[in-house]
Amino acid sequence: MRGADPEIVAIWIKGWTTARETAPPVPDHGGFRVDVGWPQQKARYVFAALSPAIGELARAINEPWIFLKACAPPDAMQAMLPSQWIIQRPGHMMTCAGPMAGDSALPGGYVFDVTKGAISGVRAFDPAGNEATIGRVVVVDGFAIYDRIETRPEHRGRGLARAVMMKLEAIGREKGAVRGVLVATPDGRALYEGLGWELHSPYTTAVIPEV
């Protein structure tokens, strides 16, 4: 079954591990394995498309918090898995081929805090000094990989995430990025489409939850 461009997936997972400061990805079963090392995410396997290897791994893994992730629809992936595996909230791998549509202006009283480096971060604070929105970007092979774009519930609907994305894009372009890639939640997909992003592939996650 057709999935995502394998090169884009390889770039994205390299960027994700950099942004999250985990172990780097290693080739495994035709995809990538990341030894994440978090209490509720021991490891993750990432595939650009469905393959028999996903079913083989699912039958061999019996412990919780090892994630299988594939650029494929949820129902197609579910059909490959034993019953103890649970499909998580759907995701969307998205790409952006050019400059995003928008600007980085913040609502009145909000201010940016910008950190530049191998992992660059942008935060927006409200007039009282409370953190309202965060985001990170790393650059890999000409791609800006955006991660952890989050707005606290009480600050949503004010254009903060859009402003943070525009600020992150400017940083990425300073570092040579000409395209973008990220994995969005269903809510995030609407934001990114409004900025000019396009759906590249569905992105499905499965895990054995802890009893």
N, C-alpha and C. Protein backbone atom coordinates (compact mmCIF):
# COMPACT_ATOMS: atom_id res chain seq x y z
N MET A 1 0.85 -1.20 0.00
CA MET A 1 0.00 0.00 0.00
C MET A 1 0.89 1.25 0.00
N ARG A 2 0.54 2.21 -0.84
CA ARG A 2 1.33 3.43 -0.96
C ARG A 2 1.25 4.23 0.34
N GLY A 3 2.38 4.75 0.76
CA GLY A 3 2.42 5.55 1.97
C GLY A 3 3.04 6.90 1.68
N ALA A 4 4.04 7.26 2.45
CA ALA A 4 4.72 8.54 2.31
C ALA A 4 6.04 8.36 1.55
N ASP A 5 6.61 9.47 1.14
CA ASP A 5 7.93 9.46 0.53
C ASP A 5 8.94 9.01 1.58
N PRO A 6 9.65 7.90 1.36
CA PRO A 6 10.59 7.40 2.39
C PRO A 6 11.66 8.41 2.77
N GLU A 7 12.09 9.23 1.81
CA GLU A 7 13.12 10.22 2.13
C GLU A 7 12.58 11.28 3.08
N ILE A 8 11.34 11.68 2.87
CA ILE A 8 10.74 12.68 3.77
C ILE A 8 10.57 12.09 5.16
N VAL A 9 10.15 10.84 5.24
CA VAL A 9 9.99 10.20 6.55
C VAL A 9 11.35 10.10 7.25
N ALA A 10 12.39 9.75 6.53
CA ALA A 10 13.72 9.64 7.13
C ALA A 10 14.19 10.99 7.66
N ILE A 11 13.94 12.05 6.89
CA ILE A 11 14.31 13.39 7.34
C ILE A 11 13.49 13.79 8.57
N TRP A 12 12.19 13.52 8.51
CA TRP A 12 11.33 13.90 9.63
C TRP A 12 11.74 13.18 10.92
N ILE A 13 11.98 11.88 10.88
CA ILE A 13 12.30 11.16 12.12
C ILE A 13 13.66 11.59 12.66
N LYS A 14 14.59 11.93 11.78
CA LYS A 14 15.87 12.46 12.25
C LYS A 14 15.66 13.79 12.96
N GLY A 15 14.81 14.64 12.36
CA GLY A 15 14.52 15.92 12.99
C GLY A 15 13.77 15.77 14.30
N TRP A 16 12.81 14.83 14.34
CA TRP A 16 12.04 14.60 15.57
C TRP A 16 12.96 14.18 16.71
N THR A 17 13.88 13.25 16.45
CA THR A 17 14.77 12.79 17.51
C THR A 17 15.70 13.91 17.97
N THR A 18 16.10 14.79 17.05
CA THR A 18 16.92 15.94 17.44
C THR A 18 16.12 16.87 18.33
N ALA A 19 14.88 17.19 17.90
CA ALA A 19 14.04 18.11 18.67
C ALA A 19 13.69 17.57 20.04
N ARG A 20 13.50 16.26 20.14
CA ARG A 20 13.13 15.65 21.43
C ARG A 20 14.33 15.17 22.23
N GLU A 21 15.53 15.30 21.65
CA GLU A 21 16.77 14.94 22.33
C GLU A 21 16.76 13.48 22.79
N THR A 22 16.33 12.60 21.88
CA THR A 22 16.36 11.17 22.13
C THR A 22 17.55 10.55 21.41
N ALA A 23 17.67 9.23 21.50
CA ALA A 23 18.65 8.52 20.68
C ALA A 23 18.29 8.71 19.21
N PRO A 24 19.28 8.68 18.31
CA PRO A 24 18.98 8.85 16.89
C PRO A 24 18.26 7.63 16.33
N PRO A 25 17.56 7.80 15.20
CA PRO A 25 16.88 6.67 14.58
C PRO A 25 17.89 5.70 13.96
N VAL A 26 17.54 4.41 13.98
CA VAL A 26 18.37 3.39 13.34
C VAL A 26 17.48 2.54 12.43
N PRO A 27 17.98 2.12 11.26
CA PRO A 27 17.17 1.27 10.39
C PRO A 27 16.79 -0.03 11.09
N ASP A 28 15.54 -0.45 10.90
CA ASP A 28 15.07 -1.67 11.57
C ASP A 28 13.79 -2.14 10.88
N HIS A 29 13.76 -3.40 10.44
CA HIS A 29 12.59 -4.01 9.83
C HIS A 29 12.05 -3.21 8.63
N GLY A 30 12.93 -2.55 7.91
CA GLY A 30 12.50 -1.77 6.77
C GLY A 30 11.99 -0.39 7.10
N GLY A 31 12.01 -0.04 8.37
CA GLY A 31 11.64 1.30 8.82
C GLY A 31 12.74 1.85 9.71
N PHE A 32 12.34 2.56 10.75
CA PHE A 32 13.30 3.10 11.71
C PHE A 32 12.85 2.77 13.13
N ARG A 33 13.82 2.52 13.99
CA ARG A 33 13.55 2.35 15.42
C ARG A 33 14.22 3.48 16.18
N VAL A 34 13.48 4.03 17.12
CA VAL A 34 14.03 5.05 18.01
C VAL A 34 13.88 4.55 19.44
N ASP A 35 14.99 4.43 20.15
CA ASP A 35 14.95 4.06 21.57
C ASP A 35 14.71 5.34 22.36
N VAL A 36 13.43 5.63 22.58
CA VAL A 36 13.04 6.92 23.16
C VAL A 36 13.43 7.00 24.63
N GLY A 37 13.11 5.96 25.40
CA GLY A 37 13.54 5.92 26.79
C GLY A 37 12.69 6.69 27.77
N TRP A 38 11.45 7.02 27.39
CA TRP A 38 10.54 7.70 28.31
C TRP A 38 9.68 6.67 29.04
N PRO A 39 9.16 7.00 30.24
CA PRO A 39 8.35 6.02 30.97
C PRO A 39 7.17 5.48 30.18
N GLN A 40 6.51 6.33 29.39
CA GLN A 40 5.35 5.88 28.63
C GLN A 40 5.62 5.88 27.12
N GLN A 41 6.87 5.82 26.75
CA GLN A 41 7.27 5.56 25.38
C GLN A 41 8.71 5.03 25.39
N LYS A 42 8.80 3.71 25.51
CA LYS A 42 10.12 3.09 25.57
C LYS A 42 10.83 3.18 24.22
N ALA A 43 10.08 2.90 23.16
CA ALA A 43 10.65 2.92 21.82
C ALA A 43 9.53 3.15 20.83
N ARG A 44 9.91 3.55 19.63
CA ARG A 44 8.94 3.68 18.54
C ARG A 44 9.57 3.15 17.25
N TYR A 45 8.73 2.50 16.46
CA TYR A 45 9.10 2.08 15.12
C TYR A 45 8.29 2.93 14.14
N VAL A 46 8.94 3.45 13.13
CA VAL A 46 8.30 4.35 12.18
C VAL A 46 8.49 3.80 10.77
N PHE A 47 7.38 3.69 10.03
CA PHE A 47 7.40 3.14 8.68
C PHE A 47 6.78 4.14 7.70
N ALA A 48 7.36 4.21 6.51
CA ALA A 48 6.83 5.10 5.47
C ALA A 48 5.58 4.53 4.82
N ALA A 49 5.32 3.23 5.00
CA ALA A 49 4.14 2.59 4.44
C ALA A 49 3.90 1.29 5.19
N LEU A 50 2.74 0.70 5.00
CA LEU A 50 2.46 -0.59 5.61
C LEU A 50 3.35 -1.66 4.97
N SER A 51 3.78 -2.62 5.80
CA SER A 51 4.57 -3.74 5.29
C SER A 51 4.36 -4.93 6.22
N PRO A 52 4.64 -6.15 5.74
CA PRO A 52 4.50 -7.32 6.62
C PRO A 52 5.31 -7.21 7.90
N ALA A 53 6.39 -6.41 7.89
CA ALA A 53 7.23 -6.27 9.09
C ALA A 53 6.44 -5.69 10.26
N ILE A 54 5.44 -4.87 9.99
CA ILE A 54 4.65 -4.29 11.08
C ILE A 54 3.89 -5.38 11.80
N GLY A 55 3.26 -6.28 11.05
CA GLY A 55 2.57 -7.40 11.67
C GLY A 55 3.51 -8.30 12.43
N GLU A 56 4.70 -8.55 11.89
CA GLU A 56 5.70 -9.39 12.57
C GLU A 56 6.11 -8.77 13.90
N LEU A 57 6.37 -7.48 13.88
CA LEU A 57 6.74 -6.79 15.12
C LEU A 57 5.60 -6.84 16.13
N ALA A 58 4.39 -6.59 15.66
CA ALA A 58 3.24 -6.56 16.57
C ALA A 58 3.03 -7.91 17.25
N ARG A 59 3.28 -8.99 16.54
CA ARG A 59 3.12 -10.32 17.14
C ARG A 59 4.27 -10.66 18.08
N ALA A 60 5.42 -10.02 17.88
CA ALA A 60 6.59 -10.32 18.72
C ALA A 60 6.65 -9.46 19.98
N ILE A 61 5.98 -8.32 19.97
CA ILE A 61 6.03 -7.39 21.11
C ILE A 61 4.84 -7.65 22.02
N ASN A 62 5.12 -7.85 23.30
CA ASN A 62 4.06 -8.11 24.27
C ASN A 62 4.02 -7.11 25.41
N GLU A 63 4.93 -6.15 25.42
CA GLU A 63 5.00 -5.19 26.52
C GLU A 63 4.42 -3.85 26.10
N PRO A 64 3.93 -3.07 27.07
CA PRO A 64 3.34 -1.77 26.74
C PRO A 64 4.40 -0.73 26.42
N TRP A 65 3.92 0.36 25.82
CA TRP A 65 4.68 1.58 25.55
C TRP A 65 5.78 1.41 24.53
N ILE A 66 5.62 0.44 23.62
CA ILE A 66 6.45 0.38 22.41
C ILE A 66 5.51 0.68 21.25
N PHE A 67 5.74 1.75 20.56
CA PHE A 67 4.80 2.28 19.57
C PHE A 67 5.17 1.84 18.16
N LEU A 68 4.14 1.48 17.40
CA LEU A 68 4.28 1.23 15.97
C LEU A 68 3.59 2.38 15.23
N LYS A 69 4.31 3.00 14.33
CA LYS A 69 3.79 4.17 13.62
C LYS A 69 4.01 3.97 12.13
N ALA A 70 2.98 4.24 11.34
CA ALA A 70 3.09 4.04 9.90
C ALA A 70 2.31 5.12 9.15
N CYS A 71 2.81 5.48 8.00
CA CYS A 71 2.12 6.43 7.13
C CYS A 71 1.08 5.65 6.34
N ALA A 72 -0.08 5.45 6.98
CA ALA A 72 -1.14 4.62 6.42
C ALA A 72 -2.43 4.93 7.15
N PRO A 73 -3.58 4.59 6.56
CA PRO A 73 -4.86 4.82 7.23
C PRO A 73 -5.02 3.92 8.45
N PRO A 74 -5.77 4.37 9.46
CA PRO A 74 -5.94 3.59 10.68
C PRO A 74 -6.55 2.21 10.46
N ASP A 75 -7.59 2.11 9.61
CA ASP A 75 -8.25 0.82 9.45
C ASP A 75 -7.34 -0.20 8.78
N ALA A 76 -6.50 0.25 7.84
CA ALA A 76 -5.59 -0.66 7.18
C ALA A 76 -4.52 -1.17 8.14
N MET A 77 -4.05 -0.31 9.02
CA MET A 77 -3.05 -0.75 9.99
C MET A 77 -3.67 -1.65 11.06
N GLN A 78 -4.87 -1.32 11.51
CA GLN A 78 -5.53 -2.13 12.53
C GLN A 78 -5.69 -3.57 12.07
N ALA A 79 -5.95 -3.76 10.78
CA ALA A 79 -6.15 -5.10 10.25
C ALA A 79 -4.91 -5.97 10.35
N MET A 80 -3.74 -5.36 10.53
CA MET A 80 -2.49 -6.11 10.61
C MET A 80 -2.11 -6.48 12.04
N LEU A 81 -2.84 -5.97 13.03
CA LEU A 81 -2.38 -6.04 14.42
C LEU A 81 -3.19 -7.03 15.25
N PRO A 82 -2.54 -7.71 16.20
CA PRO A 82 -3.28 -8.50 17.17
C PRO A 82 -4.20 -7.61 18.01
N SER A 83 -5.16 -8.23 18.68
CA SER A 83 -6.24 -7.47 19.33
C SER A 83 -5.78 -6.59 20.47
N GLN A 84 -4.62 -6.90 21.10
CA GLN A 84 -4.20 -6.09 22.25
C GLN A 84 -3.64 -4.72 21.83
N TRP A 85 -3.40 -4.55 20.54
CA TRP A 85 -2.88 -3.27 20.06
C TRP A 85 -4.03 -2.29 19.85
N ILE A 86 -3.84 -1.07 20.34
CA ILE A 86 -4.87 -0.04 20.28
C ILE A 86 -4.39 1.09 19.37
N ILE A 87 -5.25 1.47 18.43
CA ILE A 87 -4.95 2.61 17.56
C ILE A 87 -5.17 3.90 18.34
N GLN A 88 -4.21 4.80 18.26
CA GLN A 88 -4.26 6.08 18.95
C GLN A 88 -4.96 7.15 18.09
N ARG A 89 -5.03 8.35 18.63
CA ARG A 89 -5.60 9.48 17.91
C ARG A 89 -4.92 9.64 16.55
N PRO A 90 -5.70 9.85 15.48
CA PRO A 90 -5.08 9.93 14.15
C PRO A 90 -4.13 11.12 14.02
N GLY A 91 -3.13 10.94 13.19
CA GLY A 91 -2.19 12.01 12.90
C GLY A 91 -2.12 12.24 11.40
N HIS A 92 -1.48 13.33 11.02
CA HIS A 92 -1.38 13.71 9.61
C HIS A 92 0.03 14.20 9.34
N MET A 93 0.77 13.49 8.49
CA MET A 93 2.06 14.00 8.07
C MET A 93 1.81 15.04 6.99
N MET A 94 2.36 16.24 7.20
CA MET A 94 2.10 17.36 6.31
C MET A 94 3.41 17.98 5.84
N THR A 95 3.35 18.57 4.64
CA THR A 95 4.52 19.23 4.09
C THR A 95 4.13 20.63 3.60
N CYS A 96 5.13 21.49 3.54
CA CYS A 96 4.93 22.86 3.03
C CYS A 96 6.08 23.16 2.08
N ALA A 97 5.72 23.46 0.81
CA ALA A 97 6.73 23.61 -0.22
C ALA A 97 7.26 25.04 -0.35
N GLY A 98 6.58 25.99 0.24
CA GLY A 98 7.02 27.37 0.09
C GLY A 98 6.75 28.17 1.34
N PRO A 99 6.93 29.48 1.26
CA PRO A 99 6.67 30.32 2.43
C PRO A 99 5.23 30.18 2.90
N MET A 100 5.05 30.17 4.21
CA MET A 100 3.70 30.08 4.78
C MET A 100 2.96 31.39 4.59
N ALA A 101 1.64 31.28 4.61
CA ALA A 101 0.78 32.45 4.40
C ALA A 101 0.37 33.02 5.75
N GLY A 102 0.96 34.15 6.10
CA GLY A 102 0.62 34.77 7.37
C GLY A 102 1.72 35.70 7.82
N ASP A 103 1.62 36.17 9.06
CA ASP A 103 2.68 37.00 9.63
C ASP A 103 2.85 36.64 11.09
N SER A 104 3.90 37.16 11.68
CA SER A 104 4.26 36.77 13.05
C SER A 104 3.79 37.79 14.09
N ALA A 105 2.83 38.64 13.72
CA ALA A 105 2.34 39.63 14.68
C ALA A 105 1.57 38.95 15.81
N LEU A 106 1.88 39.33 17.04
CA LEU A 106 1.19 38.81 18.22
C LEU A 106 0.07 39.76 18.65
N PRO A 107 -0.94 39.23 19.33
CA PRO A 107 -1.96 40.12 19.90
C PRO A 107 -1.33 41.09 20.90
N GLY A 108 -2.01 42.17 21.18
CA GLY A 108 -1.49 43.19 22.08
C GLY A 108 -1.12 42.64 23.44
N GLY A 109 0.07 42.99 23.90
CA GLY A 109 0.54 42.58 25.22
C GLY A 109 1.34 41.29 25.23
N TYR A 110 1.21 40.46 24.20
CA TYR A 110 1.98 39.22 24.13
C TYR A 110 3.38 39.51 23.58
N VAL A 111 4.36 38.75 24.04
CA VAL A 111 5.74 38.94 23.59
C VAL A 111 6.37 37.59 23.28
N PHE A 112 7.36 37.61 22.39
CA PHE A 112 8.11 36.41 22.03
C PHE A 112 9.34 36.25 22.92
N ASP A 113 9.72 34.99 23.11
CA ASP A 113 11.03 34.63 23.63
C ASP A 113 11.62 33.64 22.64
N VAL A 114 12.76 33.96 22.05
CA VAL A 114 13.33 33.16 20.97
C VAL A 114 14.69 32.62 21.39
N THR A 115 14.90 31.33 21.17
CA THR A 115 16.19 30.68 21.42
C THR A 115 16.64 30.02 20.13
N LYS A 116 17.85 30.35 19.67
CA LYS A 116 18.37 29.79 18.43
C LYS A 116 19.53 28.86 18.72
N GLY A 117 19.56 27.75 17.98
CA GLY A 117 20.61 26.77 18.13
C GLY A 117 20.29 25.56 17.27
N ALA A 118 20.92 24.42 17.59
CA ALA A 118 20.60 23.19 16.87
C ALA A 118 19.11 22.89 17.00
N ILE A 119 18.58 23.16 18.18
CA ILE A 119 17.14 23.13 18.42
C ILE A 119 16.72 24.56 18.72
N SER A 120 15.96 25.16 17.81
CA SER A 120 15.51 26.53 18.03
C SER A 120 14.09 26.51 18.58
N GLY A 121 13.82 27.40 19.51
CA GLY A 121 12.51 27.44 20.13
C GLY A 121 11.94 28.84 20.16
N VAL A 122 10.62 28.91 20.07
CA VAL A 122 9.90 30.17 20.19
C VAL A 122 8.79 29.98 21.20
N ARG A 123 8.71 30.92 22.14
CA ARG A 123 7.62 30.92 23.12
C ARG A 123 6.94 32.27 23.08
N ALA A 124 5.63 32.27 23.32
CA ALA A 124 4.88 33.51 23.44
C ALA A 124 4.34 33.60 24.86
N PHE A 125 4.52 34.77 25.48
CA PHE A 125 4.07 35.01 26.85
C PHE A 125 2.96 36.06 26.85
N ASP A 126 2.01 35.87 27.76
CA ASP A 126 0.92 36.84 27.86
C ASP A 126 1.36 38.05 28.67
N PRO A 127 0.53 39.10 28.78
CA PRO A 127 0.95 40.31 29.50
C PRO A 127 1.34 40.08 30.96
N ALA A 128 0.83 38.99 31.56
CA ALA A 128 1.17 38.68 32.95
C ALA A 128 2.44 37.85 33.07
N GLY A 129 3.05 37.51 31.95
CA GLY A 129 4.28 36.73 31.97
C GLY A 129 4.07 35.23 31.95
N ASN A 130 2.85 34.78 31.67
CA ASN A 130 2.57 33.36 31.61
C ASN A 130 2.84 32.81 30.22
N GLU A 131 3.45 31.64 30.16
CA GLU A 131 3.72 31.02 28.87
C GLU A 131 2.40 30.61 28.22
N ALA A 132 2.19 31.06 26.98
CA ALA A 132 0.93 30.80 26.28
C ALA A 132 1.08 29.79 25.15
N THR A 133 2.14 29.91 24.38
CA THR A 133 2.35 29.06 23.21
C THR A 133 3.83 28.73 23.09
N ILE A 134 4.13 27.50 22.64
CA ILE A 134 5.52 27.09 22.44
C ILE A 134 5.64 26.40 21.09
N GLY A 135 6.87 26.30 20.60
CA GLY A 135 7.15 25.55 19.39
C GLY A 135 8.64 25.41 19.20
N ARG A 136 9.03 24.36 18.45
CA ARG A 136 10.44 24.11 18.18
C ARG A 136 10.63 23.86 16.69
N VAL A 137 11.84 24.10 16.20
CA VAL A 137 12.18 23.78 14.83
C VAL A 137 13.64 23.34 14.77
N VAL A 138 13.89 22.32 13.97
CA VAL A 138 15.26 21.91 13.63
C VAL A 138 15.32 21.80 12.11
N VAL A 139 16.50 21.90 11.57
CA VAL A 139 16.67 21.84 10.11
C VAL A 139 17.52 20.63 9.75
N VAL A 140 17.01 19.83 8.81
CA VAL A 140 17.69 18.63 8.33
C VAL A 140 17.58 18.60 6.81
N ASP A 141 18.72 18.63 6.13
CA ASP A 141 18.76 18.48 4.67
C ASP A 141 17.78 19.41 3.95
N GLY A 142 17.77 20.66 4.36
CA GLY A 142 16.93 21.64 3.69
C GLY A 142 15.47 21.65 4.12
N PHE A 143 15.11 20.80 5.06
CA PHE A 143 13.75 20.76 5.60
C PHE A 143 13.73 21.35 7.01
N ALA A 144 12.73 22.17 7.28
CA ALA A 144 12.45 22.59 8.64
C ALA A 144 11.47 21.58 9.24
N ILE A 145 11.84 20.96 10.35
CA ILE A 145 10.98 20.01 11.03
C ILE A 145 10.43 20.72 12.27
N TYR A 146 9.11 20.91 12.27
CA TYR A 146 8.45 21.64 13.35
C TYR A 146 7.92 20.63 14.37
N ASP A 147 8.02 20.99 15.65
CA ASP A 147 7.65 20.03 16.69
C ASP A 147 7.15 20.76 17.93
N ARG A 148 6.25 20.09 18.64
CA ARG A 148 5.72 20.58 19.92
C ARG A 148 5.10 21.97 19.80
N ILE A 149 4.29 22.14 18.78
CA ILE A 149 3.55 23.40 18.63
C ILE A 149 2.32 23.28 19.52
N GLU A 150 2.32 23.98 20.63
CA GLU A 150 1.25 23.84 21.62
C GLU A 150 0.84 25.20 22.15
N THR A 151 -0.48 25.39 22.28
CA THR A 151 -1.04 26.59 22.89
C THR A 151 -1.91 26.18 24.07
N ARG A 152 -1.69 26.81 25.21
CA ARG A 152 -2.51 26.49 26.38
C ARG A 152 -3.98 26.83 26.10
N PRO A 153 -4.90 26.00 26.61
CA PRO A 153 -6.32 26.17 26.26
C PRO A 153 -6.86 27.58 26.44
N GLU A 154 -6.45 28.25 27.52
CA GLU A 154 -7.00 29.56 27.81
C GLU A 154 -6.51 30.65 26.85
N HIS A 155 -5.54 30.31 25.99
CA HIS A 155 -5.00 31.31 25.05
C HIS A 155 -5.33 30.97 23.60
N ARG A 156 -6.12 29.95 23.37
CA ARG A 156 -6.41 29.54 22.00
C ARG A 156 -7.39 30.51 21.33
N GLY A 157 -7.36 30.50 20.01
CA GLY A 157 -8.26 31.34 19.24
C GLY A 157 -7.79 32.77 19.06
N ARG A 158 -6.54 33.05 19.38
CA ARG A 158 -6.01 34.41 19.27
C ARG A 158 -4.91 34.55 18.23
N GLY A 159 -4.66 33.49 17.47
CA GLY A 159 -3.63 33.55 16.43
C GLY A 159 -2.22 33.35 16.93
N LEU A 160 -2.07 32.86 18.16
CA LEU A 160 -0.73 32.71 18.73
C LEU A 160 0.08 31.62 18.03
N ALA A 161 -0.56 30.47 17.78
CA ALA A 161 0.16 29.37 17.13
C ALA A 161 0.61 29.77 15.73
N ARG A 162 -0.25 30.49 15.02
CA ARG A 162 0.13 30.99 13.69
C ARG A 162 1.35 31.90 13.78
N ALA A 163 1.34 32.81 14.74
CA ALA A 163 2.47 33.73 14.89
C ALA A 163 3.76 32.98 15.24
N VAL A 164 3.65 31.98 16.13
CA VAL A 164 4.82 31.19 16.51
C VAL A 164 5.34 30.42 15.31
N MET A 165 4.45 29.83 14.50
CA MET A 165 4.88 29.10 13.31
C MET A 165 5.63 30.02 12.34
N MET A 166 5.12 31.22 12.15
CA MET A 166 5.79 32.15 11.24
C MET A 166 7.18 32.53 11.76
N LYS A 167 7.29 32.69 13.06
CA LYS A 167 8.58 33.02 13.66
C LYS A 167 9.55 31.85 13.51
N LEU A 168 9.04 30.63 13.71
CA LEU A 168 9.88 29.44 13.55
C LEU A 168 10.32 29.28 12.10
N GLU A 169 9.41 29.58 11.16
CA GLU A 169 9.76 29.47 9.75
C GLU A 169 10.91 30.42 9.41
N ALA A 170 10.87 31.63 9.93
CA ALA A 170 11.95 32.59 9.66
C ALA A 170 13.28 32.06 10.16
N ILE A 171 13.26 31.43 11.33
CA ILE A 171 14.50 30.84 11.86
C ILE A 171 14.98 29.71 10.96
N GLY A 172 14.04 28.85 10.54
CA GLY A 172 14.41 27.75 9.66
C GLY A 172 15.02 28.23 8.36
N ARG A 173 14.48 29.29 7.79
CA ARG A 173 15.01 29.80 6.53
C ARG A 173 16.40 30.41 6.73
N GLU A 174 16.63 31.00 7.90
CA GLU A 174 17.97 31.50 8.20
C GLU A 174 18.99 30.36 8.18
N LYS A 175 18.52 29.15 8.50
CA LYS A 175 19.40 27.97 8.56
C LYS A 175 19.38 27.16 7.27
N GLY A 176 18.74 27.70 6.23
CA GLY A 176 18.78 27.05 4.92
C GLY A 176 17.59 26.18 4.57
N ALA A 177 16.56 26.17 5.38
CA ALA A 177 15.39 25.35 5.07
C ALA A 177 14.55 25.99 3.97
N VAL A 178 14.13 25.19 3.01
CA VAL A 178 13.27 25.69 1.94
C VAL A 178 11.92 24.96 1.92
N ARG A 179 11.79 23.87 2.67
CA ARG A 179 10.54 23.13 2.78
C ARG A 179 10.29 22.81 4.24
N GLY A 180 9.08 22.40 4.56
CA GLY A 180 8.75 22.05 5.93
C GLY A 180 8.05 20.70 6.00
N VAL A 181 8.19 20.03 7.13
CA VAL A 181 7.48 18.77 7.37
C VAL A 181 7.15 18.70 8.86
N LEU A 182 5.98 18.16 9.16
CA LEU A 182 5.56 17.96 10.55
C LEU A 182 4.48 16.89 10.59
N VAL A 183 4.17 16.43 11.79
CA VAL A 183 3.02 15.55 12.00
C VAL A 183 2.03 16.31 12.87
N ALA A 184 0.80 16.44 12.35
CA ALA A 184 -0.22 17.26 13.00
C ALA A 184 -1.29 16.41 13.64
N THR A 185 -1.89 16.93 14.70
CA THR A 185 -3.11 16.37 15.26
C THR A 185 -4.28 16.79 14.36
N PRO A 186 -5.47 16.21 14.56
CA PRO A 186 -6.62 16.66 13.77
C PRO A 186 -6.89 18.16 13.94
N ASP A 187 -6.78 18.68 15.16
CA ASP A 187 -6.98 20.12 15.36
C ASP A 187 -5.88 20.93 14.69
N GLY A 188 -4.65 20.45 14.79
CA GLY A 188 -3.54 21.17 14.20
C GLY A 188 -3.59 21.21 12.69
N ARG A 189 -4.16 20.16 12.09
CA ARG A 189 -4.21 20.11 10.63
C ARG A 189 -4.91 21.35 10.06
N ALA A 190 -6.00 21.77 10.68
CA ALA A 190 -6.73 22.93 10.19
C ALA A 190 -5.86 24.19 10.24
N LEU A 191 -5.10 24.34 11.33
CA LEU A 191 -4.19 25.49 11.45
C LEU A 191 -3.18 25.48 10.31
N TYR A 192 -2.55 24.34 10.08
CA TYR A 192 -1.47 24.28 9.09
C TYR A 192 -2.01 24.44 7.67
N GLU A 193 -3.18 23.87 7.39
CA GLU A 193 -3.76 24.07 6.06
C GLU A 193 -4.02 25.56 5.80
N GLY A 194 -4.41 26.29 6.84
CA GLY A 194 -4.61 27.72 6.70
C GLY A 194 -3.32 28.49 6.43
N LEU A 195 -2.20 27.87 6.77
CA LEU A 195 -0.89 28.48 6.52
C LEU A 195 -0.29 28.04 5.19
N GLY A 196 -1.00 27.16 4.48
CA GLY A 196 -0.51 26.72 3.18
C GLY A 196 0.10 25.33 3.15
N TRP A 197 -0.02 24.58 4.25
CA TRP A 197 0.50 23.21 4.28
C TRP A 197 -0.45 22.27 3.56
N GLU A 198 0.10 21.13 3.09
CA GLU A 198 -0.69 20.11 2.43
C GLU A 198 -0.50 18.76 3.11
N LEU A 199 -1.56 17.96 3.08
CA LEU A 199 -1.47 16.60 3.62
C LEU A 199 -0.55 15.76 2.75
N HIS A 200 0.44 15.13 3.38
CA HIS A 200 1.34 14.21 2.67
C HIS A 200 0.89 12.77 2.82
N SER A 201 0.46 12.42 4.05
CA SER A 201 0.04 11.05 4.30
C SER A 201 -0.68 10.99 5.64
N PRO A 202 -1.67 10.09 5.78
CA PRO A 202 -2.15 9.80 7.13
C PRO A 202 -1.01 9.18 7.94
N TYR A 203 -1.06 9.35 9.24
CA TYR A 203 0.02 8.88 10.12
C TYR A 203 -0.65 8.20 11.31
N THR A 204 -0.54 6.88 11.35
CA THR A 204 -1.27 6.07 12.33
C THR A 204 -0.33 5.49 13.38
N THR A 205 -0.76 5.54 14.62
CA THR A 205 0.01 5.05 15.75
C THR A 205 -0.76 3.97 16.48
N ALA A 206 -0.03 2.90 16.86
CA ALA A 206 -0.63 1.82 17.65
C ALA A 206 0.29 1.47 18.80
N VAL A 207 -0.30 1.03 19.91
CA VAL A 207 0.48 0.70 21.11
C VAL A 207 -0.31 -0.30 21.95
N ILE A 208 0.40 -1.08 22.73
CA ILE A 208 -0.23 -1.90 23.75
C ILE A 208 -0.26 -1.04 25.02
N PRO A 209 -1.43 -0.63 25.49
CA PRO A 209 -1.47 0.23 26.69
C PRO A 209 -1.19 -0.58 27.95
N GLU A 210 -0.72 0.13 28.95
CA GLU A 210 -0.47 -0.53 30.23
C GLU A 210 -1.79 -0.85 30.91
N VAL A 211 -1.91 -2.06 31.42
CA VAL A 211 -3.16 -2.46 32.11
C VAL A 211 -3.17 -1.87 33.50
